């Protein structure tokens, strides 16, 4: 059974200021940022398969290694026949219903 995952790259990067080291070589001033954060949605068999695919796709897209990767499981599960569950059907029917309401108001 294939599962849906969300891969988050470079979240909460640690930035060290140039003069942040003291005499004992201890980092004192650091900042975190998420400005380089990149999110990718993947379908994989398990978490390790998702991690492998996510890293390969990131390297292919950006031509460098990611600094960090976080994998989160999403609620949608996909059958082997690549058919989505009832959740996707419900979303699609809701979209058609909203479209019909908008047409009737016009």
PDB file of N, CA and C in Angstrom:
ATOM      1  N   UNK A   1       0.843  -1.172   0.000  1.00  0.00           N
ATOM      2  CA  UNK A   1       0.000   0.000   0.000  1.00  0.00           C
ATOM      3  C   UNK A   1       0.895   1.244   0.000  1.00  0.00           C
ATOM      4  N   UNK A   2       0.658   2.113  -0.929  1.00  0.00           N
ATOM      5  CA  UNK A   2       1.413   3.357  -1.016  1.00  0.00           C
ATOM      6  C   UNK A   2       0.819   4.394  -0.073  1.00  0.00           C
ATOM      7  N   UNK A   3       1.680   5.189   0.524  1.00  0.00           N
ATOM      8  CA  UNK A   3       1.248   6.212   1.474  1.00  0.00           C
ATOM      9  C   UNK A   3       1.762   7.565   1.026  1.00  0.00           C
ATOM     10  N   UNK A   4       1.086   8.590   1.441  1.00  0.00           N
ATOM     11  CA  UNK A   4       1.442   9.956   1.074  1.00  0.00           C
ATOM     12  C   UNK A   4       2.290  10.579   2.190  1.00  0.00           C
ATOM     13  N   UNK A   5       3.375  11.243   1.797  1.00  0.00           N
ATOM     14  CA  UNK A   5       4.281  11.880   2.746  1.00  0.00           C
ATOM     15  C   UNK A   5       4.576  13.301   2.311  1.00  0.00           C
ATOM     16  N   UNK A   6       4.971  14.112   3.277  1.00  0.00           N
ATOM     17  CA  UNK A   6       5.414  15.472   3.003  1.00  0.00           C
ATOM     18  C   UNK A   6       6.862  15.586   3.455  1.00  0.00           C
ATOM     19  N   UNK A   7       7.745  15.967   2.541  1.00  0.00           N
ATOM     20  CA  UNK A   7       9.165  16.147   2.858  1.00  0.00           C
ATOM     21  C   UNK A   7       9.445  17.643   2.962  1.00  0.00           C
ATOM     22  N   UNK A   8      10.063  18.032   4.075  1.00  0.00           N
ATOM     23  CA  UNK A   8      10.394  19.436   4.317  1.00  0.00           C
ATOM     24  C   UNK A   8      11.911  19.547   4.382  1.00  0.00           C
ATOM     25  N   UNK A   9      12.459  20.367   3.506  1.00  0.00           N
ATOM     26  CA  UNK A   9      13.907  20.532   3.413  1.00  0.00           C
ATOM     27  C   UNK A   9      14.325  21.860   4.036  1.00  0.00           C
ATOM     28  N   UNK A  10      15.460  21.867   4.701  1.00  0.00           N
ATOM     29  CA  UNK A  10      16.122  23.073   5.220  1.00  0.00           C
ATOM     30  C   UNK A  10      15.237  23.898   6.146  1.00  0.00           C
ATOM     31  N   UNK A  11      14.503  23.246   7.014  1.00  0.00           N
ATOM     32  CA  UNK A  11      13.692  23.961   8.008  1.00  0.00           C
ATOM     33  C   UNK A  11      14.574  24.299   9.209  1.00  0.00           C
ATOM     34  N   UNK A  12      14.418  25.496   9.718  1.00  0.00           N
ATOM     35  CA  UNK A  12      15.158  25.976  10.892  1.00  0.00           C
ATOM     36  C   UNK A  12      16.676  25.839  10.726  1.00  0.00           C
ATOM     37  N   UNK A  13      17.183  26.413   9.650  1.00  0.00           N
ATOM     38  CA  UNK A  13      18.634  26.430   9.452  1.00  0.00           C
ATOM     39  C   UNK A  13      19.291  27.270  10.538  1.00  0.00           C
ATOM     40  N   UNK A  14      20.459  26.880  10.949  1.00  0.00           N
ATOM     41  CA  UNK A  14      21.194  27.593  11.985  1.00  0.00           C
ATOM     42  C   UNK A  14      22.232  28.480  11.318  1.00  0.00           C
ATOM     43  N   UNK A  15      22.128  29.789  11.531  1.00  0.00           N
ATOM     44  CA  UNK A  15      23.072  30.746  10.979  1.00  0.00           C
ATOM     45  C   UNK A  15      24.002  31.220  12.082  1.00  0.00           C
ATOM     46  N   UNK A  16      25.301  31.160  11.846  1.00  0.00           N
ATOM     47  CA  UNK A  16      26.291  31.584  12.830  1.00  0.00           C
ATOM     48  C   UNK A  16      26.887  32.897  12.356  1.00  0.00           C
ATOM     49  N   UNK A  17      26.929  33.881  13.233  1.00  0.00           N
ATOM     50  CA  UNK A  17      27.512  35.162  12.877  1.00  0.00           C
ATOM     51  C   UNK A  17      29.029  35.018  12.734  1.00  0.00           C
ATOM     52  N   UNK A  18      29.656  35.927  11.970  1.00  0.00           N
ATOM     53  CA  UNK A  18      31.089  35.827  11.685  1.00  0.00           C
ATOM     54  C   UNK A  18      31.951  35.880  12.942  1.00  0.00           C
ATOM     55  N   UNK A  19      31.647  36.765  13.846  1.00  0.00           N
ATOM     56  CA  UNK A  19      32.461  36.926  15.042  1.00  0.00           C
ATOM     57  C   UNK A  19      31.808  36.258  16.252  1.00  0.00           C
ATOM     58  N   UNK A  20      31.210  35.094  16.050  1.00  0.00           N
ATOM     59  CA  UNK A  20      30.451  34.449  17.108  1.00  0.00           C
ATOM     60  C   UNK A  20      31.316  33.609  18.045  1.00  0.00           C
ATOM     61  N   UNK A  21      32.562  33.351  17.711  1.00  0.00           N
ATOM     62  CA  UNK A  21      33.405  32.519  18.567  1.00  0.00           C
ATOM     63  C   UNK A  21      34.139  33.371  19.589  1.00  0.00           C
ATOM     64  N   UNK A  22      34.172  32.891  20.820  1.00  0.00           N
ATOM     65  CA  UNK A  22      34.958  33.589  21.837  1.00  0.00           C
ATOM     66  C   UNK A  22      36.322  32.901  21.981  1.00  0.00           C
ATOM     67  N   UNK A  23      37.072  33.214  23.023  1.00  0.00           N
ATOM     68  CA  UNK A  23      38.412  32.650  23.198  1.00  0.00           C
ATOM     69  C   UNK A  23      38.390  31.132  23.362  1.00  0.00           C
ATOM     70  N   UNK A  24      37.341  30.591  23.929  1.00  0.00           N
ATOM     71  CA  UNK A  24      37.255  29.144  24.146  1.00  0.00           C
ATOM     72  C   UNK A  24      36.676  28.420  22.926  1.00  0.00           C
ATOM     73  N   UNK A  25      36.495  29.132  21.829  1.00  0.00           N
ATOM     74  CA  UNK A  25      35.956  28.582  20.585  1.00  0.00           C
ATOM     75  C   UNK A  25      34.542  28.007  20.767  1.00  0.00           C
ATOM     76  N   UNK A  26      33.724  28.708  21.529  1.00  0.00           N
ATOM     77  CA  UNK A  26      32.339  28.310  21.756  1.00  0.00           C
ATOM     78  C   UNK A  26      31.435  29.280  20.990  1.00  0.00           C
ATOM     79  N   UNK A  27      30.493  28.731  20.253  1.00  0.00           N
ATOM     80  CA  UNK A  27      29.568  29.569  19.483  1.00  0.00           C
ATOM     81  C   UNK A  27      28.608  30.241  20.449  1.00  0.00           C
ATOM     82  N   UNK A  28      28.529  31.561  20.364  1.00  0.00           N
ATOM     83  CA  UNK A  28      27.666  32.301  21.282  1.00  0.00           C
ATOM     84  C   UNK A  28      26.432  32.869  20.606  1.00  0.00           C
ATOM     85  N   UNK A  29      26.575  33.407  19.422  1.00  0.00           N
ATOM     86  CA  UNK A  29      25.453  34.076  18.767  1.00  0.00           C
ATOM     87  C   UNK A  29      25.046  33.303  17.519  1.00  0.00           C
ATOM     88  N   UNK A  30      23.842  32.769  17.547  1.00  0.00           N
ATOM     89  CA  UNK A  30      23.308  32.048  16.397  1.00  0.00           C
ATOM     90  C   UNK A  30      21.877  32.501  16.153  1.00  0.00           C
ATOM     91  N   UNK A  31      21.439  32.307  14.932  1.00  0.00           N
ATOM     92  CA  UNK A  31      20.057  32.621  14.543  1.00  0.00           C
ATOM     93  C   UNK A  31      19.525  31.449  13.731  1.00  0.00           C
ATOM     94  N   UNK A  32      18.218  31.233  13.804  1.00  0.00           N
ATOM     95  CA  UNK A  32      17.598  30.220  12.960  1.00  0.00           C
ATOM     96  C   UNK A  32      16.716  30.919  11.938  1.00  0.00           C
ATOM     97  N   UNK A  33      16.631  30.314  10.759  1.00  0.00           N
ATOM     98  CA  UNK A  33      15.809  30.875   9.691  1.00  0.00           C
ATOM     99  C   UNK A  33      15.173  29.739   8.900  1.00  0.00           C
ATOM    100  N   UNK A  34      14.046  30.032   8.292  1.00  0.00           N
ATOM    101  CA  UNK A  34      13.366  29.065   7.428  1.00  0.00           C
ATOM    102  C   UNK A  34      13.169  29.656   6.031  1.00  0.00           C
ATOM    103  N   UNK A  35      13.987  30.634   5.667  1.00  0.00           N
ATOM    104  CA  UNK A  35      13.788  31.290   4.371  1.00  0.00           C
ATOM    105  C   UNK A  35      14.153  30.380   3.199  1.00  0.00           C
ATOM    106  N   UNK A  36      14.956  29.353   3.425  1.00  0.00           N
ATOM    107  CA  UNK A  36      15.321  28.410   2.369  1.00  0.00           C
ATOM    108  C   UNK A  36      14.502  27.132   2.440  1.00  0.00           C
ATOM    109  N   UNK A  37      13.398  27.164   3.167  1.00  0.00           N
ATOM    110  CA  UNK A  37      12.560  25.977   3.329  1.00  0.00           C
ATOM    111  C   UNK A  37      11.902  25.613   2.012  1.00  0.00           C
ATOM    112  N   UNK A  38      11.854  24.307   1.723  1.00  0.00           N
ATOM    113  CA  UNK A  38      11.253  23.804   0.495  1.00  0.00           C
ATOM    114  C   UNK A  38      10.419  22.583   0.864  1.00  0.00           C
ATOM    115  N   UNK A  39       9.168  22.528   0.411  1.00  0.00           N
ATOM    116  CA  UNK A  39       8.256  21.432   0.755  1.00  0.00           C
ATOM    117  C   UNK A  39       7.916  20.653  -0.507  1.00  0.00           C
ATOM    118  N   UNK A  40       7.953  19.321  -0.375  1.00  0.00           N
ATOM    119  CA  UNK A  40       7.671  18.435  -1.502  1.00  0.00           C
ATOM    120  C   UNK A  40       6.721  17.334  -1.016  1.00  0.00           C
ATOM    121  N   UNK A  41       5.691  17.038  -1.791  1.00  0.00           N
ATOM    122  CA  UNK A  41       4.756  15.967  -1.452  1.00  0.00           C
ATOM    123  C   UNK A  41       5.101  14.748  -2.298  1.00  0.00           C
ATOM    124  N   UNK A  42       5.223  13.586  -1.638  1.00  0.00           N
ATOM    125  CA  UNK A  42       5.647  12.361  -2.309  1.00  0.00           C
ATOM    126  C   UNK A  42       4.724  11.210  -1.960  1.00  0.00           C
ATOM    127  N   UNK A  43       4.730  10.196  -2.813  1.00  0.00           N
ATOM    128  CA  UNK A  43       4.042   8.946  -2.549  1.00  0.00           C
ATOM    129  C   UNK A  43       5.101   7.863  -2.500  1.00  0.00           C
ATOM    130  N   UNK A  44       5.107   7.078  -1.403  1.00  0.00           N
ATOM    131  CA  UNK A  44       6.127   6.047  -1.236  1.00  0.00           C
ATOM    132  C   UNK A  44       5.549   4.894  -0.419  1.00  0.00           C
ATOM    133  N   UNK A  45       6.307   3.796  -0.371  1.00  0.00           N
ATOM    134  CA  UNK A  45       5.853   2.623   0.368  1.00  0.00           C
ATOM    135  C   UNK A  45       6.039   2.785   1.873  1.00  0.00           C
ATOM    136  N   UNK A  46       7.161   3.390   2.287  1.00  0.00           N
ATOM    137  CA  UNK A  46       7.409   3.607   3.710  1.00  0.00           C
ATOM    138  C   UNK A  46       8.288   4.851   3.867  1.00  0.00           C
ATOM    139  N   UNK A  47       8.660   5.155   5.108  1.00  0.00           N
ATOM    140  CA  UNK A  47       9.403   6.383   5.394  1.00  0.00           C
ATOM    141  C   UNK A  47      10.796   6.350   4.762  1.00  0.00           C
ATOM    142  N   UNK A  48      11.469   5.211   4.825  1.00  0.00           N
ATOM    143  CA  UNK A  48      12.819   5.126   4.247  1.00  0.00           C
ATOM    144  C   UNK A  48      12.792   5.295   2.734  1.00  0.00           C
ATOM    145  N   UNK A  49      11.793   4.715   2.087  1.00  0.00           N
ATOM    146  CA  UNK A  49      11.644   4.883   0.647  1.00  0.00           C
ATOM    147  C   UNK A  49      11.365   6.346   0.313  1.00  0.00           C
ATOM    148  N   UNK A  50      10.547   7.002   1.117  1.00  0.00           N
ATOM    149  CA  UNK A  50      10.246   8.417   0.910  1.00  0.00           C
ATOM    150  C   UNK A  50      11.501   9.267   1.090  1.00  0.00           C
ATOM    151  N   UNK A  51      12.278   8.972   2.118  1.00  0.00           N
ATOM    152  CA  UNK A  51      13.504   9.722   2.373  1.00  0.00           C
ATOM    153  C   UNK A  51      14.473   9.590   1.200  1.00  0.00           C
ATOM    154  N   UNK A  52      14.618   8.389   0.686  1.00  0.00           N
ATOM    155  CA  UNK A  52      15.512   8.148  -0.452  1.00  0.00           C
ATOM    156  C   UNK A  52      15.040   8.910  -1.694  1.00  0.00           C
ATOM    157  N   UNK A  53      13.752   8.821  -1.994  1.00  0.00           N
ATOM    158  CA  UNK A  53      13.204   9.515  -3.167  1.00  0.00           C
ATOM    159  C   UNK A  53      13.307  11.033  -3.019  1.00  0.00           C
ATOM    160  N   UNK A  54      13.007  11.518  -1.824  1.00  0.00           N
ATOM    161  CA  UNK A  54      13.042  12.968  -1.592  1.00  0.00           C
ATOM    162  C   UNK A  54      14.451  13.514  -1.789  1.00  0.00           C
ATOM    163  N   UNK A  55      15.446  12.816  -1.266  1.00  0.00           N
ATOM    164  CA  UNK A  55      16.825  13.276  -1.406  1.00  0.00           C
ATOM    165  C   UNK A  55      17.256  13.268  -2.873  1.00  0.00           C
ATOM    166  N   UNK A  56      16.902  12.205  -3.598  1.00  0.00           N
ATOM    167  CA  UNK A  56      17.248  12.129  -5.018  1.00  0.00           C
ATOM    168  C   UNK A  56      16.608  13.262  -5.815  1.00  0.00           C
ATOM    169  N   UNK A  57      15.326  13.536  -5.565  1.00  0.00           N
ATOM    170  CA  UNK A  57      14.635  14.593  -6.298  1.00  0.00           C
ATOM    171  C   UNK A  57      15.171  15.975  -5.947  1.00  0.00           C
ATOM    172  N   UNK A  58      15.527  16.191  -4.679  1.00  0.00           N
ATOM    173  CA  UNK A  58      16.088  17.479  -4.271  1.00  0.00           C
ATOM    174  C   UNK A  58      17.437  17.718  -4.965  1.00  0.00           C
ATOM    175  N   UNK A  59      18.287  16.704  -4.959  1.00  0.00           N
ATOM    176  CA  UNK A  59      19.600  16.843  -5.605  1.00  0.00           C
ATOM    177  C   UNK A  59      19.437  17.066  -7.103  1.00  0.00           C
ATOM    178  N   UNK A  60      18.479  16.374  -7.723  1.00  0.00           N
ATOM    179  CA  UNK A  60      18.235  16.547  -9.155  1.00  0.00           C
ATOM    180  C   UNK A  60      17.733  17.959  -9.465  1.00  0.00           C
ATOM    181  N   UNK A  61      16.895  18.496  -8.587  1.00  0.00           N
ATOM    182  CA  UNK A  61      16.295  19.815  -8.827  1.00  0.00           C
ATOM    183  C   UNK A  61      17.260  20.960  -8.522  1.00  0.00           C
ATOM    184  N   UNK A  62      17.962  20.891  -7.384  1.00  0.00           N
ATOM    185  CA  UNK A  62      18.797  22.010  -6.943  1.00  0.00           C
ATOM    186  C   UNK A  62      20.295  21.794  -7.160  1.00  0.00           C
ATOM    187  N   UNK A  63      20.705  20.595  -7.538  1.00  0.00           N
ATOM    188  CA  UNK A  63      22.110  20.253  -7.787  1.00  0.00           C
ATOM    189  C   UNK A  63      23.006  20.490  -6.576  1.00  0.00           C
ATOM    190  N   UNK A  64      22.472  20.266  -5.376  1.00  0.00           N
ATOM    191  CA  UNK A  64      23.245  20.310  -4.130  1.00  0.00           C
ATOM    192  C   UNK A  64      22.517  19.460  -3.090  1.00  0.00           C
ATOM    193  N   UNK A  65      23.224  19.119  -2.033  1.00  0.00           N
ATOM    194  CA  UNK A  65      22.625  18.306  -0.977  1.00  0.00           C
ATOM    195  C   UNK A  65      21.809  19.175  -0.030  1.00  0.00           C
ATOM    196  N   UNK A  66      20.689  18.659   0.471  1.00  0.00           N
ATOM    197  CA  UNK A  66      19.919  19.428   1.459  1.00  0.00           C
ATOM    198  C   UNK A  66      20.627  19.429   2.812  1.00  0.00           C
ATOM    199  N   UNK A  67      20.419  20.488   3.570  1.00  0.00           N
ATOM    200  CA  UNK A  67      21.031  20.571   4.902  1.00  0.00           C
ATOM    201  C   UNK A  67      20.247  19.764   5.915  1.00  0.00           C
ATOM    202  N   UNK A  68      18.942  19.653   5.740  1.00  0.00           N
ATOM    203  CA  UNK A  68      18.119  18.825   6.617  1.00  0.00           C
ATOM    204  C   UNK A  68      16.880  18.363   5.855  1.00  0.00           C
ATOM    205  N   UNK A  69      16.375  17.198   6.241  1.00  0.00           N
ATOM    206  CA  UNK A  69      15.153  16.656   5.642  1.00  0.00           C
ATOM    207  C   UNK A  69      14.262  16.172   6.776  1.00  0.00           C
ATOM    208  N   UNK A  70      12.999  16.602   6.756  1.00  0.00           N
ATOM    209  CA  UNK A  70      12.000  16.115   7.701  1.00  0.00           C
ATOM    210  C   UNK A  70      10.889  15.446   6.899  1.00  0.00           C
ATOM    211  N   UNK A  71      10.468  14.273   7.345  1.00  0.00           N
ATOM    212  CA  UNK A  71       9.406  13.537   6.669  1.00  0.00           C
ATOM    213  C   UNK A  71       8.197  13.494   7.593  1.00  0.00           C
ATOM    214  N   UNK A  72       7.039  13.894   7.064  1.00  0.00           N
ATOM    215  CA  UNK A  72       5.785  13.829   7.806  1.00  0.00           C
ATOM    216  C   UNK A  72       4.788  13.007   7.001  1.00  0.00           C
ATOM    217  N   UNK A  73       4.075  12.123   7.679  1.00  0.00           N
ATOM    218  CA  UNK A  73       3.060  11.321   7.012  1.00  0.00           C
ATOM    219  C   UNK A  73       1.772  12.126   6.916  1.00  0.00           C
ATOM    220  N   UNK A  74       1.164  12.139   5.746  1.00  0.00           N
ATOM    221  CA  UNK A  74      -0.114  12.819   5.572  1.00  0.00           C
ATOM    222  C   UNK A  74      -1.236  11.789   5.636  1.00  0.00           C
ATOM    223  N   UNK A  75      -2.461  12.250   5.683  1.00  0.00           N
ATOM    224  CA  UNK A  75      -3.588  11.354   5.957  1.00  0.00           C
ATOM    225  C   UNK A  75      -4.075  10.561   4.753  1.00  0.00           C
ATOM    226  N   UNK A  76      -3.675  10.903   3.557  1.00  0.00           N
ATOM    227  CA  UNK A  76      -4.185  10.236   2.360  1.00  0.00           C
ATOM    228  C   UNK A  76      -3.374   8.968   2.094  1.00  0.00           C
ATOM    229  N   UNK A  77      -4.064   7.835   1.908  1.00  0.00           N
ATOM    230  CA  UNK A  77      -3.438   6.575   1.545  1.00  0.00           C
ATOM    231  C   UNK A  77      -3.908   6.195   0.158  1.00  0.00           C
ATOM    232  N   UNK A  78      -3.015   5.648  -0.652  1.00  0.00           N
ATOM    233  CA  UNK A  78      -3.339   5.324  -2.045  1.00  0.00           C
ATOM    234  C   UNK A  78      -3.213   3.822  -2.253  1.00  0.00           C
ATOM    235  N   UNK A  79      -4.200   3.238  -2.922  1.00  0.00           N
ATOM    236  CA  UNK A  79      -4.170   1.809  -3.221  1.00  0.00           C
ATOM    237  C   UNK A  79      -3.128   1.521  -4.288  1.00  0.00           C
ATOM    238  N   UNK A  80      -2.761   0.262  -4.451  1.00  0.00           N
ATOM    239  CA  UNK A  80      -1.782  -0.123  -5.463  1.00  0.00           C
ATOM    240  C   UNK A  80      -2.284   0.177  -6.874  1.00  0.00           C
ATOM    241  N   UNK A  81      -3.591   0.262  -7.070  1.00  0.00           N
ATOM    242  CA  UNK A  81      -4.151   0.558  -8.388  1.00  0.00           C
ATOM    243  C   UNK A  81      -4.131   2.046  -8.695  1.00  0.00           C
ATOM    244  N   UNK A  82      -3.435   2.839  -7.843  1.00  0.00           N
ATOM    245  CA  UNK A  82      -3.333   4.289  -7.987  1.00  0.00           C
ATOM    246  C   UNK A  82      -4.688   4.972  -7.934  1.00  0.00           C
ATOM    247  N   UNK A  83      -5.600   4.411  -7.158  1.00  0.00           N
ATOM    248  CA  UNK A  83      -6.905   5.025  -6.950  1.00  0.00           C
ATOM    249  C   UNK A  83      -6.895   5.649  -5.568  1.00  0.00           C
ATOM    250  N   UNK A  84      -7.341   6.869  -5.475  1.00  0.00           N
ATOM    251  CA  UNK A  84      -7.363   7.538  -4.180  1.00  0.00           C
ATOM    252  C   UNK A  84      -8.571   7.094  -3.378  1.00  0.00           C
ATOM    253  N   UNK A  85      -8.551   7.359  -2.100  1.00  0.00           N
ATOM    254  CA  UNK A  85      -9.628   6.947  -1.202  1.00  0.00           C
ATOM    255  C   UNK A  85     -10.821   7.875  -1.299  1.00  0.00           C
ATOM    256  N   UNK A  86     -11.795   7.614  -0.472  1.00  0.00           N
ATOM    257  CA  UNK A  86     -13.041   8.382  -0.481  1.00  0.00           C
ATOM    258  C   UNK A  86     -12.810   9.866  -0.216  1.00  0.00           C
ATOM    259  N   UNK A  87     -11.721  10.218   0.474  1.00  0.00           N
ATOM    260  CA  UNK A  87     -11.460  11.620   0.793  1.00  0.00           C
ATOM    261  C   UNK A  87     -11.322  12.453  -0.473  1.00  0.00           C
ATOM    262  N   UNK A  88     -10.592  11.950  -1.465  1.00  0.00           N
ATOM    263  CA  UNK A  88     -10.425  12.680  -2.713  1.00  0.00           C
ATOM    264  C   UNK A  88     -11.748  12.805  -3.467  1.00  0.00           C
ATOM    265  N   UNK A  89     -12.571  11.757  -3.412  1.00  0.00           N
ATOM    266  CA  UNK A  89     -13.873  11.819  -4.081  1.00  0.00           C
ATOM    267  C   UNK A  89     -14.761  12.874  -3.427  1.00  0.00           C
ATOM    268  N   UNK A  90     -14.691  12.966  -2.111  1.00  0.00           N
ATOM    269  CA  UNK A  90     -15.490  13.953  -1.390  1.00  0.00           C
ATOM    270  C   UNK A  90     -15.041  15.367  -1.749  1.00  0.00           C
ATOM    271  N   UNK A  91     -13.736  15.590  -1.823  1.00  0.00           N
ATOM    272  CA  UNK A  91     -13.205  16.908  -2.189  1.00  0.00           C
ATOM    273  C   UNK A  91     -13.652  17.282  -3.599  1.00  0.00           C
ATOM    274  N   UNK A  92     -13.598  16.313  -4.522  1.00  0.00           N
ATOM    275  CA  UNK A  92     -13.995  16.581  -5.892  1.00  0.00           C
ATOM    276  C   UNK A  92     -15.482  16.920  -5.970  1.00  0.00           C
ATOM    277  N   UNK A  93     -16.318  16.185  -5.246  1.00  0.00           N
ATOM    278  CA  UNK A  93     -17.750  16.476  -5.282  1.00  0.00           C
ATOM    279  C   UNK A  93     -18.053  17.834  -4.647  1.00  0.00           C
ATOM    280  N   UNK A  94     -17.308  18.205  -3.597  1.00  0.00           N
ATOM    281  CA  UNK A  94     -17.483  19.521  -2.991  1.00  0.00           C
ATOM    282  C   UNK A  94     -17.110  20.637  -3.967  1.00  0.00           C
ATOM    283  N   UNK A  95     -16.064  20.418  -4.758  1.00  0.00           N
ATOM    284  CA  UNK A  95     -15.655  21.417  -5.749  1.00  0.00           C
ATOM    285  C   UNK A  95     -16.739  21.607  -6.807  1.00  0.00           C
ATOM    286  N   UNK A  96     -17.344  20.501  -7.276  1.00  0.00           N
ATOM    287  CA  UNK A  96     -18.423  20.605  -8.255  1.00  0.00           C
ATOM    288  C   UNK A  96     -19.635  21.313  -7.661  1.00  0.00           C
ATOM    289  N   UNK A  97     -19.924  21.036  -6.397  1.00  0.00           N
ATOM    290  CA  UNK A  97     -21.057  21.676  -5.739  1.00  0.00           C
ATOM    291  C   UNK A  97     -20.833  23.185  -5.614  1.00  0.00           C
ATOM    292  N   UNK A  98     -19.638  23.591  -5.243  1.00  0.00           N
ATOM    293  CA  UNK A  98     -19.314  25.020  -5.147  1.00  0.00           C
ATOM    294  C   UNK A  98     -19.377  25.698  -6.508  1.00  0.00           C
ATOM    295  N   UNK A  99     -18.926  25.005  -7.548  1.00  0.00           N
ATOM    296  CA  UNK A  99     -19.000  25.540  -8.897  1.00  0.00           C
ATOM    297  C   UNK A  99     -20.451  25.735  -9.332  1.00  0.00           C
ATOM    298  N   UNK A 100     -21.299  24.759  -9.025  1.00  0.00           N
ATOM    299  CA  UNK A 100     -22.710  24.856  -9.388  1.00  0.00           C
ATOM    300  C   UNK A 100     -23.371  26.017  -8.652  1.00  0.00           C
ATOM    301  N   UNK A 101     -23.043  26.219  -7.389  1.00  0.00           N
ATOM    302  CA  UNK A 101     -23.604  27.339  -6.635  1.00  0.00           C
ATOM    303  C   UNK A 101     -23.174  28.683  -7.227  1.00  0.00           C
ATOM    304  N   UNK A 102     -21.915  28.767  -7.636  1.00  0.00           N
ATOM    305  CA  UNK A 102     -21.410  30.011  -8.220  1.00  0.00           C
ATOM    306  C   UNK A 102     -22.104  30.314  -9.531  1.00  0.00           C
ATOM    307  N   UNK A 103     -22.375  29.277 -10.328  1.00  0.00           N
ATOM    308  CA  UNK A 103     -23.066  29.476 -11.615  1.00  0.00           C
ATOM    309  C   UNK A 103     -24.510  29.933 -11.375  1.00  0.00           C
ATOM    310  N   UNK A 104     -25.157  29.358 -10.372  1.00  0.00           N
ATOM    311  CA  UNK A 104     -26.558  29.721 -10.089  1.00  0.00           C
ATOM    312  C   UNK A 104     -26.667  31.146  -9.580  1.00  0.00           C
ATOM    313  N   UNK A 105     -25.652  31.655  -8.873  1.00  0.00           N
ATOM    314  CA  UNK A 105     -25.684  33.023  -8.350  1.00  0.00           C
ATOM    315  C   UNK A 105     -25.486  34.043  -9.472  1.00  0.00           C
ATOM    316  N   UNK A 106     -24.777  33.660 -10.514  1.00  0.00           N
ATOM    317  CA  UNK A 106     -24.470  34.596 -11.600  1.00  0.00           C
ATOM    318  C   UNK A 106     -25.640  34.903 -12.475  1.00  0.00           C
TER     319      UNK A 106
END
